[in-house]
Amino acid sequence: MDVKRLNDAAEEAADFLKALAAPGRLRVLCLLSTGEHSVTALAEAMGAPQPTISRHLTLLKKDGIVASRSSGTTRFYRLADRRVEKLMGVLYESFCEKTPHR
């Protein structure tokens, strides 16, 4: 791998990991690792206010980590792509299964 490609890949990975570097966002991603959820369902599962969950989701969506769809007035979120699913699979096995979501 040439140095420019390595540098670009390292920058992309660092940006990706920075987006994950908050306990609230990681809890959201742990829940989304099990499938698609609405903001309401995520807020209830985490015991957190909907605006807090919405802020996390907005940041994660901006960074391409989650994707969403609407059904009527409800917005559902899911992990955005295979890279995210693979990484969250490792994190889920290592951390999410062993601890409560709150």
C-alpha atoms as a PDB file:
ATOM      1  CA  MET A   1       0.000   0.000   0.000  1.00  0.00           C
ATOM      2  CA  ASP A   2       1.428   3.399  -0.875  1.00  0.00           C
ATOM      3  CA  VAL A   3       1.882   6.065   1.800  1.00  0.00           C
ATOM      4  CA  LYS A   4      -0.845   8.409   0.475  1.00  0.00           C
ATOM      5  CA  ARG A   5      -3.448   5.634   0.478  1.00  0.00           C
ATOM      6  CA  LEU A   6      -2.338   4.553   3.943  1.00  0.00           C
ATOM      7  CA  ASN A   7      -2.613   8.127   5.240  1.00  0.00           C
ATOM      8  CA  ASP A   8      -6.059   8.566   3.670  1.00  0.00           C
ATOM      9  CA  ALA A   9      -7.255   5.262   5.139  1.00  0.00           C
ATOM     10  CA  ALA A  10      -5.886   6.185   8.577  1.00  0.00           C
ATOM     11  CA  GLU A  11      -7.675   9.561   8.485  1.00  0.00           C
ATOM     12  CA  GLU A  12     -10.934   7.897   7.473  1.00  0.00           C
ATOM     13  CA  ALA A  13     -10.602   5.304  10.247  1.00  0.00           C
ATOM     14  CA  ALA A  14      -9.792   7.973  12.841  1.00  0.00           C
ATOM     15  CA  ASP A  15     -12.836  10.044  11.839  1.00  0.00           C
ATOM     16  CA  PHE A  16     -15.003   6.937  12.001  1.00  0.00           C
ATOM     17  CA  LEU A  17     -13.741   6.011  15.459  1.00  0.00           C
ATOM     18  CA  LYS A  18     -14.142   9.589  16.736  1.00  0.00           C
ATOM     19  CA  ALA A  19     -17.823   9.407  15.816  1.00  0.00           C
ATOM     20  CA  LEU A  20     -18.144   6.327  18.030  1.00  0.00           C
ATOM     21  CA  ALA A  21     -16.233   7.819  20.959  1.00  0.00           C
ATOM     22  CA  ALA A  22     -19.192   8.676  23.180  1.00  0.00           C
ATOM     23  CA  PRO A  23     -20.956   6.280  25.551  1.00  0.00           C
ATOM     24  CA  GLY A  24     -24.432   7.431  24.478  1.00  0.00           C
ATOM     25  CA  ARG A  25     -23.716   6.875  20.798  1.00  0.00           C
ATOM     26  CA  LEU A  26     -22.226   3.463  21.544  1.00  0.00           C
ATOM     27  CA  ARG A  27     -25.357   2.471  23.481  1.00  0.00           C
ATOM     28  CA  VAL A  28     -27.495   3.531  20.510  1.00  0.00           C
ATOM     29  CA  LEU A  29     -25.295   1.493  18.179  1.00  0.00           C
ATOM     30  CA  CYS A  30     -25.458  -1.546  20.471  1.00  0.00           C
ATOM     31  CA  LEU A  31     -29.241  -1.441  20.207  1.00  0.00           C
ATOM     32  CA  LEU A  32     -29.146  -0.888  16.442  1.00  0.00           C
ATOM     33  CA  SER A  33     -26.839  -3.899  16.158  1.00  0.00           C
ATOM     34  CA  THR A  34     -29.896  -6.005  16.939  1.00  0.00           C
ATOM     35  CA  GLY A  35     -31.928  -4.434  14.100  1.00  0.00           C
ATOM     36  CA  GLU A  36     -33.857  -1.377  13.058  1.00  0.00           C
ATOM     37  CA  HIS A  37     -35.459   0.762  15.797  1.00  0.00           C
ATOM     38  CA  SER A  38     -37.503   3.939  16.069  1.00  0.00           C
ATOM     39  CA  VAL A  39     -36.314   6.913  18.110  1.00  0.00           C
ATOM     40  CA  THR A  40     -39.096   6.184  20.606  1.00  0.00           C
ATOM     41  CA  ALA A  41     -38.003   2.552  21.024  1.00  0.00           C
ATOM     42  CA  LEU A  42     -34.365   3.582  21.457  1.00  0.00           C
ATOM     43  CA  ALA A  43     -35.274   6.229  24.046  1.00  0.00           C
ATOM     44  CA  GLU A  44     -37.379   3.751  26.019  1.00  0.00           C
ATOM     45  CA  ALA A  45     -34.715   1.036  25.900  1.00  0.00           C
ATOM     46  CA  MET A  46     -32.020   3.460  27.053  1.00  0.00           C
ATOM     47  CA  GLY A  47     -34.141   5.339  29.567  1.00  0.00           C
ATOM     48  CA  ALA A  48     -33.106   8.605  27.928  1.00  0.00           C
ATOM     49  CA  PRO A  49     -35.088  11.569  26.588  1.00  0.00           C
ATOM     50  CA  GLN A  50     -35.968  11.442  22.880  1.00  0.00           C
ATOM     51  CA  PRO A  51     -34.122  14.712  22.121  1.00  0.00           C
ATOM     52  CA  THR A  52     -30.906  13.190  23.484  1.00  0.00           C
ATOM     53  CA  ILE A  53     -31.324  10.103  21.298  1.00  0.00           C
ATOM     54  CA  SER A  54     -32.172  12.288  18.307  1.00  0.00           C
ATOM     55  CA  ARG A  55     -28.944  14.290  18.788  1.00  0.00           C
ATOM     56  CA  HIS A  56     -26.887  11.095  18.833  1.00  0.00           C
ATOM     57  CA  LEU A  57     -28.659   9.790  15.745  1.00  0.00           C
ATOM     58  CA  THR A  58     -28.186  13.071  13.877  1.00  0.00           C
ATOM     59  CA  LEU A  59     -24.425  12.937  14.474  1.00  0.00           C
ATOM     60  CA  LEU A  60     -24.224   9.257  13.551  1.00  0.00           C
ATOM     61  CA  LYS A  61     -26.241   9.834  10.383  1.00  0.00           C
ATOM     62  CA  LYS A  62     -24.092  12.819   9.376  1.00  0.00           C
ATOM     63  CA  ASP A  63     -21.032  10.582   9.695  1.00  0.00           C
ATOM     64  CA  GLY A  64     -22.641   7.825   7.614  1.00  0.00           C
ATOM     65  CA  ILE A  65     -22.787   5.350  10.491  1.00  0.00           C
ATOM     66  CA  VAL A  66     -26.573   5.024  10.611  1.00  0.00           C
ATOM     67  CA  ALA A  67     -29.257   5.358   7.958  1.00  0.00           C
ATOM     68  CA  SER A  68     -32.941   6.067   8.375  1.00  0.00           C
ATOM     69  CA  ARG A  69     -36.301   5.632   6.745  1.00  0.00           C
ATOM     70  CA  SER A  70     -39.709   7.075   7.488  1.00  0.00           C
ATOM     71  CA  SER A  71     -42.988   5.241   7.843  1.00  0.00           C
ATOM     72  CA  GLY A  72     -45.785   7.702   8.407  1.00  0.00           C
ATOM     73  CA  THR A  73     -44.647   9.982  11.211  1.00  0.00           C
ATOM     74  CA  THR A  74     -42.148   7.476  12.618  1.00  0.00           C
ATOM     75  CA  ARG A  75     -38.470   7.476  11.681  1.00  0.00           C
ATOM     76  CA  PHE A  76     -36.583   4.189  11.915  1.00  0.00           C
ATOM     77  CA  TYR A  77     -32.798   3.879  12.153  1.00  0.00           C
ATOM     78  CA  ARG A  78     -30.405   1.070  11.260  1.00  0.00           C
ATOM     79  CA  LEU A  79     -26.673   0.560  10.854  1.00  0.00           C
ATOM     80  CA  ALA A  80     -25.642   2.124   7.549  1.00  0.00           C
ATOM     81  CA  ASP A  81     -23.338  -0.359   5.874  1.00  0.00           C
ATOM     82  CA  ARG A  82     -21.402  -3.589   6.122  1.00  0.00           C
ATOM     83  CA  ARG A  83     -18.282  -1.961   7.623  1.00  0.00           C
ATOM     84  CA  VAL A  84     -20.341  -0.557  10.482  1.00  0.00           C
ATOM     85  CA  GLU A  85     -22.118  -3.896  10.970  1.00  0.00           C
ATOM     86  CA  LYS A  86     -18.797  -5.764  11.130  1.00  0.00           C
ATOM     87  CA  LEU A  87     -17.261  -3.375  13.655  1.00  0.00           C
ATOM     88  CA  MET A  88     -20.398  -3.266  15.772  1.00  0.00           C
ATOM     89  CA  GLY A  89     -20.538  -7.068  15.698  1.00  0.00           C
ATOM     90  CA  VAL A  90     -17.158  -7.162  17.440  1.00  0.00           C
ATOM     91  CA  LEU A  91     -18.114  -4.413  19.885  1.00  0.00           C
ATOM     92  CA  TYR A  92     -21.487  -6.043  20.562  1.00  0.00           C
ATOM     93  CA  GLU A  93     -19.882  -9.382  21.435  1.00  0.00           C
ATOM     94  CA  SER A  94     -17.203  -7.707  23.547  1.00  0.00           C
ATOM     95  CA  PHE A  95     -19.284  -5.127  25.385  1.00  0.00           C
ATOM     96  CA  CYS A  96     -22.991  -4.878  24.579  1.00  0.00           C
ATOM     97  CA  GLU A  97     -23.997  -8.428  25.473  1.00  0.00           C
ATOM     98  CA  LYS A  98     -22.225  -8.241  28.821  1.00  0.00           C
ATOM     99  CA  THR A  99     -23.670  -4.964  30.083  1.00  0.00           C
ATOM    100  CA  PRO A 100     -27.117  -3.405  30.419  1.00  0.00           C
ATOM    101  CA  HIS A 101     -28.004  -0.751  27.831  1.00  0.00           C
ATOM    102  CA  ARG A 102     -28.363   1.972  30.456  1.00  0.00           C
END
